[in-house]
Amino acid sequence: MNRLRIQHTCEVRYTQTFQYSAQALRLTPRRDRFQHTLHWALHAPGQRAEQLDAHGNIMHLLTLEAPHRFIEVVVTGLVEVATGEQVLPHEGPLSPLAYLATTALTQPTPAVLEFAEGHRPAHGATWDWAARLARGVRELSPAQATAVEQAHALLAACRAAGVPARFVSGYRHLEEERAERTAWVDIWNASQDGWMALDVDRVEAARSRHCRLAVGRDYLEAAPVRTHRPGERVETLRIRDQ
């Protein structure tokens, strides 16, 4: 097991004063067999209501009903993450088949669709198949594609190949206190009855240095912070091994 001490600050600044705003926060690590939260605290103004969303993510609905031009949210905690390439058992209220559905953000391009059709797994998804698919999708993606865009492209390819896959948002520890908020993909392995977590950017298992926050069919269902008002966002993230 690897322990990650995390501190994430997100500030949203507006160009004018608002009397009311609402944010959906998915900033609390998911509960699963290979990730255990030892301590977690979320600090934010206004009122918060906690609930589980349709994908089993811990979501806080944050509402402010006083004049404000900025909102600061800070989360800190200690998370224990397993190592290795084990599959993650399915959890949550939805069937894995729910993640076969295409969304507006995961529509395959003609090139991705043609590539995926030629790479349908004969005996179900495996680690080797997932890595080959990810490398092919990366070659078809623009050089400047973000982690979210790469994840969406791989989701489109998996679903076009008949394999359920879901978007994952979370943190990736790089080195010392360097870290980044990133995205990766869970791919369904039917023979092992579980999810393979694949970091598309590095084409490697997303495990001991990754902390998962939320899953969904695409970014909109797993975004760490969603607000109904546009504004400038400033974030700082620090992660260190404990």
Protein backbone atom coordinates (compact mmCIF):
# COMPACT_ATOMS: atom_id res chain seq x y z
CA MET A 1 0.00 0.00 0.00
CA ASN A 2 1.09 3.57 -0.71
CA ARG A 3 -0.02 6.53 1.41
CA LEU A 4 -0.65 9.91 -0.22
CA ARG A 5 -1.10 13.12 1.79
CA ILE A 6 -3.18 15.49 -0.36
CA GLN A 7 -3.95 19.22 -0.18
CA HIS A 8 -6.04 20.75 -2.97
CA THR A 9 -7.24 24.35 -3.09
CA CYS A 10 -9.66 25.56 -5.75
CA GLU A 11 -10.75 29.19 -6.00
CA VAL A 12 -13.38 30.41 -8.45
CA ARG A 13 -13.38 34.17 -9.14
CA TYR A 14 -16.27 36.03 -10.76
CA THR A 15 -16.22 39.34 -12.64
CA GLN A 16 -19.30 40.53 -10.73
CA THR A 17 -20.98 39.99 -7.39
CA PHE A 18 -23.64 37.28 -7.19
CA GLN A 19 -26.30 36.75 -4.54
CA TYR A 20 -26.62 33.03 -5.21
CA SER A 21 -24.52 30.25 -6.70
CA ALA A 22 -24.38 26.46 -6.58
CA GLN A 23 -21.56 23.99 -7.17
CA ALA A 24 -21.46 20.21 -7.36
CA LEU A 25 -18.28 19.02 -5.63
CA ARG A 26 -16.91 15.54 -6.23
CA LEU A 27 -13.77 16.13 -4.19
CA THR A 28 -14.01 13.23 -1.75
CA PRO A 29 -12.15 10.00 -2.68
CA ARG A 30 -14.34 7.08 -3.69
CA ARG A 31 -14.72 4.15 -1.34
CA ASP A 32 -13.45 0.94 -2.89
CA ARG A 33 -11.40 -2.13 -2.06
CA PHE A 34 -8.07 -0.75 -3.30
CA GLN A 35 -8.38 2.79 -1.93
CA HIS A 36 -8.91 3.60 1.73
CA THR A 37 -9.35 7.13 3.08
CA LEU A 38 -7.68 7.46 6.48
CA HIS A 39 -8.64 11.10 6.92
CA TRP A 40 -10.41 13.67 4.72
CA ALA A 41 -11.71 17.19 5.34
CA LEU A 42 -13.52 19.58 3.02
CA HIS A 43 -13.67 23.30 3.84
CA ALA A 44 -15.96 25.64 1.91
CA PRO A 45 -18.30 28.58 2.56
CA GLY A 46 -22.06 28.34 2.40
CA GLN A 47 -24.18 25.26 2.99
CA ARG A 48 -23.28 21.71 1.94
CA ALA A 49 -25.49 18.68 1.44
CA GLU A 50 -23.79 15.30 0.95
CA GLN A 51 -25.23 12.54 -1.23
CA LEU A 52 -24.26 9.62 -3.43
CA ASP A 53 -24.85 10.25 -7.11
CA ALA A 54 -26.01 7.70 -9.71
CA HIS A 55 -22.47 6.33 -10.09
CA GLY A 56 -21.79 5.90 -6.38
CA ASN A 57 -19.63 9.03 -6.12
CA ILE A 58 -19.64 11.09 -2.94
CA MET A 59 -21.02 14.48 -4.02
CA HIS A 60 -21.51 17.67 -2.02
CA LEU A 61 -23.99 20.25 -3.28
CA LEU A 62 -22.58 23.61 -2.19
CA THR A 63 -24.90 26.64 -2.18
CA LEU A 64 -24.11 30.26 -1.30
CA GLU A 65 -26.93 32.70 -0.62
CA ALA A 66 -24.92 35.79 0.36
CA PRO A 67 -23.13 38.36 -1.86
CA HIS A 68 -19.85 36.93 -3.16
CA ARG A 69 -17.32 37.36 -5.97
CA PHE A 70 -15.16 34.35 -5.23
CA ILE A 71 -15.45 30.88 -3.69
CA GLU A 72 -12.57 28.97 -2.12
CA VAL A 73 -12.77 25.22 -1.53
CA VAL A 74 -9.98 23.37 0.28
CA VAL A 75 -9.67 19.61 0.75
CA THR A 76 -6.96 17.88 2.77
CA GLY A 77 -6.49 14.27 3.71
CA LEU A 78 -4.54 11.03 3.78
CA VAL A 79 -5.39 8.21 1.36
CA GLU A 80 -3.99 4.68 1.22
CA VAL A 81 -3.81 3.23 -2.31
CA ALA A 82 -2.98 -0.33 -3.36
CA THR A 83 -0.16 -1.18 -5.77
CA GLY A 84 -0.14 -3.56 -8.74
CA GLU A 85 -2.43 -4.20 -11.71
CA GLN A 86 -5.31 -6.00 -9.99
CA VAL A 87 -8.77 -5.41 -11.42
CA LEU A 88 -11.11 -3.29 -9.35
CA PRO A 89 -14.35 -5.11 -8.41
CA HIS A 90 -17.49 -3.40 -9.66
CA GLU A 91 -19.32 -1.27 -7.12
CA GLY A 92 -22.13 1.25 -7.31
CA PRO A 93 -25.77 1.11 -8.34
CA LEU A 94 -25.29 0.83 -12.12
CA SER A 95 -24.46 -2.25 -14.16
CA PRO A 96 -21.14 -2.19 -16.07
CA LEU A 97 -23.28 -2.31 -19.24
CA ALA A 98 -24.43 1.24 -18.45
CA TYR A 99 -20.96 2.36 -19.52
CA LEU A 100 -21.42 1.14 -23.09
CA ALA A 101 -23.60 4.14 -23.90
CA THR A 102 -22.10 6.89 -26.04
CA THR A 103 -22.43 10.48 -24.79
CA ALA A 104 -22.08 13.83 -26.51
CA LEU A 105 -18.47 14.10 -25.28
CA THR A 106 -17.51 10.55 -26.31
CA GLN A 107 -18.73 10.45 -29.91
CA PRO A 108 -16.01 8.63 -31.90
CA THR A 109 -14.39 10.35 -34.84
CA PRO A 110 -14.44 8.37 -38.11
CA ALA A 111 -10.77 7.49 -37.57
CA VAL A 112 -11.33 6.26 -34.01
CA LEU A 113 -14.45 4.35 -35.09
CA GLU A 114 -12.56 2.59 -37.90
CA PHE A 115 -9.65 1.78 -35.59
CA ALA A 116 -11.93 0.41 -32.85
CA GLU A 117 -13.92 -1.74 -35.28
CA GLY A 118 -10.65 -3.37 -36.33
CA HIS A 119 -9.65 -4.04 -32.73
CA ARG A 120 -12.69 -5.74 -31.23
CA PRO A 121 -11.39 -8.20 -28.60
CA ALA A 122 -12.12 -11.79 -29.56
CA HIS A 123 -12.22 -13.03 -25.97
CA GLY A 124 -12.94 -9.88 -23.96
CA ALA A 125 -10.72 -7.00 -22.85
CA THR A 126 -7.29 -7.73 -21.33
CA TRP A 127 -4.46 -5.49 -20.13
CA ASP A 128 -2.50 -6.06 -23.35
CA TRP A 129 -5.54 -5.27 -25.51
CA ALA A 130 -6.30 -2.11 -23.50
CA ALA A 131 -2.70 -0.89 -23.81
CA ARG A 132 -2.69 -1.47 -27.59
CA LEU A 133 -5.99 0.36 -27.95
CA ALA A 134 -4.74 3.27 -25.84
CA ARG A 135 -1.55 3.60 -27.87
CA GLY A 136 -3.56 3.56 -31.11
CA VAL A 137 -5.97 6.20 -29.82
CA ARG A 138 -3.09 8.42 -28.73
CA GLU A 139 -1.59 8.26 -32.21
CA LEU A 140 -4.94 9.40 -33.64
CA SER A 141 -5.30 12.26 -31.13
CA PRO A 142 -3.83 15.77 -31.53
CA ALA A 143 -0.39 16.18 -29.95
CA GLN A 144 -1.73 18.82 -27.56
CA ALA A 145 -4.71 16.73 -26.37
CA THR A 146 -5.36 17.01 -22.64
CA ALA A 147 -5.79 14.06 -20.28
CA VAL A 148 -9.56 14.61 -20.37
CA GLU A 149 -9.61 14.63 -24.18
CA GLN A 150 -7.46 11.49 -24.34
CA ALA A 151 -9.75 9.77 -21.86
CA HIS A 152 -12.82 10.69 -23.92
CA ALA A 153 -11.16 9.34 -27.08
CA LEU A 154 -10.32 6.04 -25.39
CA LEU A 155 -13.86 5.78 -23.99
CA ALA A 156 -15.22 6.24 -27.52
CA ALA A 157 -12.89 3.53 -28.86
CA CYS A 158 -13.72 1.03 -26.10
CA ARG A 159 -17.45 1.49 -26.52
CA ALA A 160 -17.20 1.26 -30.32
CA ALA A 161 -15.34 -2.04 -29.80
CA GLY A 162 -18.17 -3.31 -27.59
CA VAL A 163 -16.34 -2.96 -24.26
CA PRO A 164 -17.83 -0.98 -21.32
CA ALA A 165 -15.57 1.82 -20.11
CA ARG A 166 -15.98 4.73 -17.71
CA PHE A 167 -14.31 8.10 -17.12
CA VAL A 168 -12.34 8.60 -13.89
CA SER A 169 -11.33 11.93 -12.36
CA GLY A 170 -8.70 12.17 -9.67
CA TYR A 171 -5.17 13.08 -8.66
CA ARG A 172 -1.82 11.79 -9.89
CA HIS A 173 1.31 12.08 -7.73
CA LEU A 174 4.38 12.85 -9.83
CA GLU A 175 7.37 13.31 -7.50
CA GLU A 176 8.13 14.96 -4.15
CA GLU A 177 5.18 17.37 -3.68
CA ARG A 178 4.44 17.71 -7.41
CA ALA A 179 1.04 16.47 -8.50
CA GLU A 180 -1.76 17.19 -10.92
CA ARG A 181 -5.48 16.80 -11.27
CA THR A 182 -5.98 14.36 -14.10
CA ALA A 183 -8.26 11.80 -15.73
CA TRP A 184 -8.00 8.17 -16.72
CA VAL A 185 -10.24 5.30 -17.87
CA ASP A 186 -11.66 2.15 -16.24
CA ILE A 187 -12.09 -0.65 -18.81
CA TRP A 188 -14.32 -3.64 -18.06
CA ASN A 189 -12.59 -7.03 -17.95
CA ALA A 190 -15.47 -9.52 -18.14
CA SER A 191 -13.31 -12.62 -17.57
CA GLN A 192 -12.05 -11.21 -14.24
CA ASP A 193 -15.33 -9.45 -13.42
CA GLY A 194 -13.69 -6.13 -12.67
CA TRP A 195 -12.32 -2.80 -13.94
CA MET A 196 -8.82 -2.24 -15.33
CA ALA A 197 -7.69 1.29 -14.43
CA LEU A 198 -5.59 2.66 -17.31
CA ASP A 199 -3.71 5.96 -17.33
CA VAL A 200 -4.10 6.92 -21.00
CA ASP A 201 -1.42 9.61 -20.87
CA ARG A 202 1.27 7.13 -19.77
CA VAL A 203 -0.34 3.89 -20.97
CA GLU A 204 0.13 2.25 -17.59
CA ALA A 205 -2.01 1.03 -14.72
CA ALA A 206 -3.52 3.86 -12.66
CA ARG A 207 -2.92 2.55 -9.19
CA SER A 208 -0.45 3.39 -6.40
CA ARG A 209 0.17 7.03 -7.36
CA HIS A 210 -3.41 7.78 -8.39
CA CYS A 211 -6.24 8.83 -6.08
CA ARG A 212 -9.69 8.43 -7.68
CA LEU A 213 -12.39 10.95 -6.86
CA ALA A 214 -15.30 10.10 -9.16
CA VAL A 215 -16.42 8.00 -12.13
CA GLY A 216 -19.01 8.60 -14.82
CA ARG A 217 -19.81 8.11 -18.48
CA ASP A 218 -17.75 11.23 -19.27
CA TYR A 219 -16.19 14.29 -17.64
CA LEU A 220 -19.49 16.04 -16.94
CA GLU A 221 -20.60 13.20 -14.65
CA ALA A 222 -17.29 12.98 -12.78
CA ALA A 223 -15.94 16.54 -12.71
CA PRO A 224 -14.39 17.45 -9.32
CA VAL A 225 -16.04 20.90 -9.42
CA ARG A 226 -19.04 21.87 -11.55
CA THR A 227 -20.55 25.33 -11.29
CA HIS A 228 -23.50 26.82 -13.14
CA ARG A 229 -21.72 30.19 -13.45
CA PRO A 230 -18.60 30.78 -15.59
CA GLY A 231 -15.60 32.19 -13.77
CA GLU A 232 -11.83 32.15 -13.54
CA ARG A 233 -10.51 29.11 -11.67
CA VAL A 234 -7.21 29.03 -9.77
CA GLU A 235 -6.00 25.74 -8.28
CA THR A 236 -3.05 24.51 -6.26
CA LEU A 237 -2.41 20.83 -5.52
CA ARG A 238 0.22 19.24 -3.34
CA ILE A 239 0.70 15.52 -2.79
CA ARG A 240 3.49 13.79 -0.92
CA ASP A 241 4.20 10.22 0.09
CA GLN A 242 3.51 9.54 3.74
